[in-house]
């Protein structure tokens, strides 16, 4: 989701401190790897889904099945949706920026570009986040290292696109939509941070409501621009089910547990493995062609993105007096 790719908002800052839990049966490294695999294969699922369904239909199906998983989790945990009208309004905007718009753009982009290229474009989300957060948050002062990361990252984007040879044969419009989707994720996360970080509601309930609102938005829009498919082949249908239930619903629950257990830094590092898996899946299972500049550029993009996420360590302050009891 990014970062990147196709994910509910990172609302972990709103989650209260949890009580000590018993040790999970499955090691966090295994769950982290499963999360990377699910999100990496999401681009392949989109590609297969668009072979039989319109892009908006793929996105609507994704939202329906993803929402079902999160709403079921909310019911099992006996949580409640937020009740404040302000929160609903902000989550409706977040649903547009983090679900309806970027997921639709990725679906449309994969009509003309390989799933591997879409996965690589998704890796630019941290670059957009860094560039935009400087404008949105006065406390996010750019360091030389982070500015260099943005510059290196976008050099990697130009390398992936083969800019010196006319986009290396890729469709500029499709590539532009995939990059715009990644930028939309960055805008959405900034919006959530500015408006919902102190709401007091749990990340799970807010994300379930966000996906519900995105589903409603797509349910209104999709019939206006698409017609019912003439047939419903099994493989594309299964791809859409997997995209929603696994790539949107179950993947969020995995990330939710990882953030609670290991912190957001470890959980978000999965972003750097997604383009590798997306590329491998596209080449191995769909026979997509891979030029030398795409994996090389992807490595440069990831290196730049990693630099943007590193912050300068502040000087250690003097010890504070012990609090009175």
Protein backbone atom coordinates (compact mmCIF):
# COMPACT_ATOMS: atom_id res chain seq x y z
CA UNK A 1 0.00 0.00 0.00
CA UNK A 2 2.51 1.46 0.59
CA UNK A 3 3.96 2.04 1.36
CA UNK A 4 2.94 1.60 -0.28
CA UNK A 5 0.64 -0.35 -2.55
CA UNK A 6 -2.90 -0.83 -2.05
CA UNK A 7 -3.49 -0.62 1.72
CA UNK A 8 -5.68 0.99 4.43
CA UNK A 9 -4.29 4.05 6.11
CA UNK A 10 -1.49 3.62 8.61
CA UNK A 11 -3.48 4.56 11.71
CA UNK A 12 -1.21 2.88 14.22
CA UNK A 13 -0.60 6.18 15.96
CA UNK A 14 -4.20 6.12 17.17
CA UNK A 15 -3.93 2.70 18.78
CA UNK A 16 -3.74 2.67 22.58
CA UNK A 17 -0.94 0.83 24.31
CA UNK A 18 -1.81 -2.84 24.35
CA UNK A 19 -1.52 -5.11 27.32
CA UNK A 20 1.19 -7.78 27.20
CA UNK A 21 0.20 -10.61 24.91
CA UNK A 22 1.22 -14.21 24.78
CA UNK A 23 3.82 -15.08 22.20
CA UNK A 24 2.30 -15.64 18.72
CA UNK A 25 2.39 -19.18 17.40
CA UNK A 26 3.93 -17.97 14.11
CA UNK A 27 7.24 -16.09 14.17
CA UNK A 28 6.97 -12.45 13.04
CA UNK A 29 9.59 -13.01 10.30
CA UNK A 30 7.34 -15.60 8.67
CA UNK A 31 4.35 -13.26 8.88
CA UNK A 32 6.46 -10.41 7.46
CA UNK A 33 7.48 -12.59 4.51
CA UNK A 34 3.88 -13.69 3.92
CA UNK A 35 2.81 -10.03 3.89
CA UNK A 36 5.47 -9.19 1.30
CA UNK A 37 4.38 -12.13 -0.86
CA UNK A 38 0.70 -11.15 -0.68
CA UNK A 39 1.34 -7.53 -1.63
CA UNK A 40 3.89 -8.48 -4.27
CA UNK A 41 1.43 -10.86 -5.93
CA UNK A 42 -1.35 -8.25 -5.81
CA UNK A 43 -0.11 -6.73 -9.06
CA UNK A 44 -0.32 -10.12 -10.76
CA UNK A 45 -3.88 -10.52 -9.42
CA UNK A 46 -4.81 -7.12 -10.87
CA UNK A 47 -3.42 -8.11 -14.26
CA UNK A 48 -5.37 -11.37 -14.31
CA UNK A 49 -8.53 -9.66 -13.09
CA UNK A 50 -8.49 -7.06 -15.87
CA UNK A 51 -8.43 -9.83 -18.47
CA UNK A 52 -12.16 -10.38 -17.83
CA UNK A 53 -13.41 -7.37 -15.88
CA UNK A 54 -13.26 -3.60 -16.34
CA UNK A 55 -10.67 -1.88 -14.13
CA UNK A 56 -13.35 -0.28 -11.93
CA UNK A 57 -15.02 -3.66 -11.50
CA UNK A 58 -11.72 -5.17 -10.37
CA UNK A 59 -11.31 -2.38 -7.82
CA UNK A 60 -14.91 -2.69 -6.60
CA UNK A 61 -14.53 -6.46 -6.16
CA UNK A 62 -11.28 -5.89 -4.32
CA UNK A 63 -13.00 -3.47 -1.93
CA UNK A 64 -15.98 -5.76 -1.34
CA UNK A 65 -13.88 -8.76 -0.31
CA UNK A 66 -11.31 -6.69 1.59
CA UNK A 67 -14.03 -4.86 3.51
CA UNK A 68 -15.72 -8.15 4.38
CA UNK A 69 -12.53 -9.41 6.05
CA UNK A 70 -11.97 -6.25 8.11
CA UNK A 71 -15.63 -5.88 9.12
CA UNK A 72 -15.60 -9.52 10.26
CA UNK A 73 -12.46 -8.80 12.32
CA UNK A 74 -14.14 -5.78 13.91
CA UNK A 75 -17.15 -7.94 14.80
CA UNK A 76 -14.97 -10.69 16.29
CA UNK A 77 -13.10 -8.17 18.44
CA UNK A 78 -16.41 -6.47 19.33
CA UNK A 79 -15.15 -3.06 18.33
CA UNK A 80 -17.34 -0.24 17.07
CA UNK A 81 -17.06 2.04 14.09
CA UNK A 82 -16.24 5.65 14.97
CA UNK A 83 -19.38 7.70 15.58
CA UNK A 84 -18.10 11.26 15.11
CA UNK A 85 -19.33 12.93 11.90
CA UNK A 86 -15.94 14.64 11.58
CA UNK A 87 -14.14 11.30 11.60
CA UNK A 88 -16.50 9.87 8.98
CA UNK A 89 -15.87 12.88 6.76
CA UNK A 90 -12.10 12.61 7.02
CA UNK A 91 -12.22 8.86 6.42
CA UNK A 92 -14.35 9.42 3.30
CA UNK A 93 -11.58 11.65 1.92
CA UNK A 94 -8.95 9.10 2.99
CA UNK A 95 -10.94 6.39 1.21
CA UNK A 96 -10.68 8.37 -2.04
CA UNK A 97 -6.95 9.04 -1.67
CA UNK A 98 -5.87 5.64 -0.32
CA UNK A 99 -8.34 3.24 -1.94
CA UNK A 100 -10.78 4.39 -4.61
CA UNK A 101 -8.40 6.54 -6.67
CA UNK A 102 -5.03 4.72 -6.47
CA UNK A 103 -6.44 1.21 -6.74
CA UNK A 104 -8.50 2.22 -9.77
CA UNK A 105 -5.45 3.87 -11.34
CA UNK A 106 -3.37 0.73 -10.86
CA UNK A 107 -6.13 -1.36 -12.45
CA UNK A 108 -6.33 0.99 -15.44
CA UNK A 109 -2.53 1.16 -15.74
CA UNK A 110 -2.20 -2.62 -15.99
CA UNK A 111 -4.39 -2.62 -19.07
CA UNK A 112 -1.34 -1.27 -20.95
CA UNK A 113 1.77 -1.92 -18.83
CA UNK A 114 3.19 -5.12 -17.29
CA UNK A 115 2.34 -5.97 -13.69
CA UNK A 116 6.07 -5.93 -12.90
CA UNK A 117 6.35 -2.27 -13.96
CA UNK A 118 3.29 -1.38 -11.87
CA UNK A 119 4.94 -3.01 -8.86
CA UNK A 120 8.12 -1.03 -9.42
CA UNK A 121 6.15 2.22 -9.74
CA UNK A 122 4.50 1.43 -6.41
CA UNK A 123 7.94 1.57 -4.78
CA UNK A 124 8.09 5.33 -5.46
CA UNK A 125 5.52 6.04 -2.72
CA UNK A 126 8.19 6.82 -0.06
CA UNK A 127 9.75 9.31 -2.50
CA UNK A 128 6.44 11.13 -2.96
CA UNK A 129 5.88 11.00 0.80
CA UNK A 130 9.22 12.62 1.53
CA UNK A 131 8.77 15.36 -1.06
CA UNK A 132 5.22 16.18 0.02
CA UNK A 133 5.75 15.95 3.79
CA UNK A 134 8.26 18.79 3.61
CA UNK A 135 5.44 21.02 2.39
CA UNK A 136 2.76 19.58 4.67
CA UNK A 137 4.69 19.37 7.94
CA UNK A 138 6.97 22.13 9.11
CA UNK A 139 8.67 19.74 11.55
CA UNK A 140 9.74 17.42 8.70
CA UNK A 141 12.81 19.41 7.75
CA UNK A 142 14.68 17.89 4.83
CA UNK A 143 18.21 16.75 5.52
CA UNK A 144 20.84 16.48 2.81
CA UNK A 145 20.57 12.73 3.06
CA UNK A 146 16.81 12.68 2.53
CA UNK A 147 16.95 15.19 -0.33
CA UNK A 148 19.64 13.06 -1.94
CA UNK A 149 17.37 10.06 -1.48
CA UNK A 150 14.58 11.76 -3.43
CA UNK A 151 16.98 12.73 -6.20
CA UNK A 152 18.46 9.24 -6.42
CA UNK A 153 14.99 7.70 -6.35
CA UNK A 154 13.71 9.71 -9.27
CA UNK A 155 16.86 8.97 -11.24
CA UNK A 156 15.90 5.35 -10.64
CA UNK A 157 12.40 6.07 -11.97
CA UNK A 158 13.87 7.52 -15.18
CA UNK A 159 16.08 4.44 -15.45
CA UNK A 160 13.10 2.10 -15.02
CA UNK A 161 11.20 3.98 -17.72
CA UNK A 162 14.15 4.01 -20.12
CA UNK A 163 13.70 7.77 -20.55
CA UNK A 164 16.68 8.01 -22.91
CA UNK A 165 14.95 5.71 -25.39
CA UNK A 166 11.37 6.89 -25.27
CA UNK A 167 10.03 5.03 -22.20
CA UNK A 168 11.67 1.78 -23.30
CA UNK A 169 8.59 0.81 -25.29
CA UNK A 170 6.23 1.17 -22.31
CA UNK A 171 2.95 3.05 -22.53
CA UNK A 172 3.50 6.56 -21.06
CA UNK A 173 -0.16 6.94 -20.03
CA UNK A 174 -0.26 3.61 -18.20
CA UNK A 175 3.05 4.32 -16.50
CA UNK A 176 1.85 7.79 -15.54
CA UNK A 177 -1.29 6.34 -13.95
CA UNK A 178 0.79 3.90 -11.88
CA UNK A 179 3.04 6.74 -10.68
CA UNK A 180 -0.01 8.91 -9.94
CA UNK A 181 -1.47 6.04 -7.88
CA UNK A 182 1.72 5.90 -5.81
CA UNK A 183 1.61 9.66 -5.30
CA UNK A 184 -2.03 9.39 -4.20
CA UNK A 185 -1.00 6.95 -1.45
CA UNK A 186 1.53 9.52 -0.22
CA UNK A 187 -1.04 12.32 -0.23
CA UNK A 188 -3.52 10.08 1.57
CA UNK A 189 -1.11 9.13 4.34
CA UNK A 190 -0.23 12.80 4.88
CA UNK A 191 -3.93 13.67 5.02
CA UNK A 192 -4.58 10.94 7.59
CA UNK A 193 -1.65 12.07 9.69
CA UNK A 194 -2.91 15.64 9.73
CA UNK A 195 -6.56 14.89 10.43
CA UNK A 196 -6.94 11.54 12.20
CA UNK A 197 -3.81 10.84 14.22
CA UNK A 198 -5.47 11.98 17.45
CA UNK A 199 -8.97 10.60 16.89
CA UNK A 200 -8.73 8.08 19.73
CA UNK A 201 -10.27 5.27 17.66
CA UNK A 202 -8.54 1.97 16.95
CA UNK A 203 -6.64 1.43 13.71
CA UNK A 204 -8.75 -1.64 12.93
CA UNK A 205 -12.14 0.02 13.26
CA UNK A 206 -11.06 3.12 11.34
CA UNK A 207 -9.54 1.11 8.51
CA UNK A 208 -12.65 -1.09 8.29
CA UNK A 209 -14.81 2.02 8.05
CA UNK A 210 -12.45 3.53 5.48
CA UNK A 211 -12.75 0.47 3.26
CA UNK A 212 -16.52 0.43 3.74
CA UNK A 213 -16.72 4.03 2.53
CA UNK A 214 -14.47 3.24 -0.44
CA UNK A 215 -16.75 0.32 -1.33
CA UNK A 216 -19.77 2.63 -1.29
CA UNK A 217 -17.94 5.16 -3.47
CA UNK A 218 -17.04 2.52 -6.04
CA UNK A 219 -20.52 0.97 -5.93
CA UNK A 220 -21.90 4.33 -7.02
CA UNK A 221 -19.25 5.09 -9.65
CA UNK A 222 -18.71 1.69 -11.29
CA UNK A 223 -22.19 1.19 -12.83
CA UNK A 224 -21.96 4.64 -14.43
CA UNK A 225 -18.82 3.78 -16.43
CA UNK A 226 -19.00 0.02 -16.97
CA UNK A 227 -21.44 -2.63 -18.11
CA UNK A 228 -21.87 -6.14 -16.78
CA UNK A 229 -19.31 -8.60 -18.19
CA UNK A 230 -20.61 -11.11 -20.70
CA UNK A 231 -19.06 -13.99 -18.74
CA UNK A 232 -17.34 -14.55 -15.43
CA UNK A 233 -14.29 -16.79 -15.96
CA UNK A 234 -13.10 -18.64 -12.89
CA UNK A 235 -9.44 -17.54 -12.89
CA UNK A 236 -10.04 -13.75 -13.10
CA UNK A 237 -12.79 -14.08 -10.48
CA UNK A 238 -10.46 -15.94 -8.12
CA UNK A 239 -7.80 -13.30 -8.76
CA UNK A 240 -10.19 -10.54 -7.68
CA UNK A 241 -11.25 -12.51 -4.60
CA UNK A 242 -7.60 -13.05 -3.65
CA UNK A 243 -6.79 -9.42 -4.36
CA UNK A 244 -9.47 -8.27 -1.94
CA UNK A 245 -9.59 -10.94 0.75
CA UNK A 246 -5.80 -11.48 0.88
CA UNK A 247 -4.19 -8.37 -0.62
CA UNK A 248 -6.45 -5.85 1.13
CA UNK A 249 -8.19 -7.52 4.08
CA UNK A 250 -5.94 -10.26 5.46
CA UNK A 251 -2.77 -8.31 4.57
CA UNK A 252 -3.92 -5.39 6.71
CA UNK A 253 -4.52 -7.71 9.66
CA UNK A 254 -0.98 -9.06 9.25
CA UNK A 255 0.44 -5.54 9.11
CA UNK A 256 -1.74 -4.50 12.06
CA UNK A 257 -0.21 -7.27 14.21
CA UNK A 258 3.31 -6.54 13.01
CA UNK A 259 3.00 -2.84 13.89
CA UNK A 260 1.67 -3.73 17.35
CA UNK A 261 4.37 -6.34 17.94
CA UNK A 262 7.51 -4.97 16.25
CA UNK A 263 6.72 -1.31 15.54
CA UNK A 264 5.98 0.58 12.30
CA UNK A 265 9.59 0.63 11.07
CA UNK A 266 9.84 -3.15 10.75
CA UNK A 267 6.32 -3.40 9.33
CA UNK A 268 6.89 -0.80 6.60
CA UNK A 269 10.20 -2.34 5.49
CA UNK A 270 8.08 -4.85 3.58
CA UNK A 271 7.71 -2.09 0.96
CA UNK A 272 11.22 -2.77 -0.31
CA UNK A 273 10.49 -6.41 -1.12
CA UNK A 274 7.21 -5.80 -2.98
CA UNK A 275 8.68 -4.75 -6.36
CA UNK A 276 11.06 -7.71 -6.32
CA UNK A 277 8.19 -10.15 -5.81
CA UNK A 278 5.93 -8.34 -8.30
CA UNK A 279 8.65 -8.49 -10.95
CA UNK A 280 9.46 -12.15 -10.32
CA UNK A 281 5.77 -13.10 -10.42
CA UNK A 282 5.12 -11.17 -13.63
CA UNK A 283 8.10 -12.68 -15.44
CA UNK A 284 7.68 -16.24 -14.17
CA UNK A 285 3.89 -16.61 -14.29
CA UNK A 286 2.77 -14.15 -16.97
CA UNK A 287 5.80 -14.28 -19.24
CA UNK A 288 6.34 -10.53 -19.05
CA UNK A 289 9.43 -9.18 -20.74
CA UNK A 290 12.01 -7.56 -18.50
CA UNK A 291 14.63 -5.15 -19.86
CA UNK A 292 17.92 -4.62 -18.04
CA UNK A 293 17.00 -1.06 -17.06
CA UNK A 294 13.91 -2.09 -15.07
CA UNK A 295 15.60 -4.17 -12.32
CA UNK A 296 18.57 -1.80 -12.26
CA UNK A 297 16.28 1.21 -11.94
CA UNK A 298 14.21 -0.56 -9.29
CA UNK A 299 17.33 -1.06 -7.14
CA UNK A 300 18.13 2.65 -7.50
CA UNK A 301 14.53 3.58 -6.58
CA UNK A 302 14.66 1.41 -3.46
CA UNK A 303 18.04 2.82 -2.45
CA UNK A 304 16.66 6.35 -2.75
CA UNK A 305 13.51 5.41 -0.86
CA UNK A 306 15.59 3.89 1.95
CA UNK A 307 17.56 7.14 2.28
CA UNK A 308 14.39 9.20 2.55
CA UNK A 309 13.24 7.09 5.50
CA UNK A 310 16.40 7.63 7.51
CA UNK A 311 16.33 10.50 9.95
CA UNK A 312 19.23 12.26 11.57
CA UNK A 313 19.76 11.15 15.15
CA UNK A 314 19.32 14.11 17.51
CA UNK A 315 21.87 14.86 20.15
CA UNK A 316 21.20 13.06 23.40
CA UNK A 317 19.49 15.49 25.79
CA UNK A 318 20.57 15.99 29.37
CA UNK A 319 18.92 13.57 31.82
CA UNK A 320 15.54 14.81 32.99
CA UNK A 321 14.75 14.94 36.70
CA UNK A 322 12.90 11.93 38.03
CA UNK A 323 9.16 12.48 38.13
CA UNK A 324 7.54 12.90 41.50
CA UNK A 325 5.24 10.09 42.71
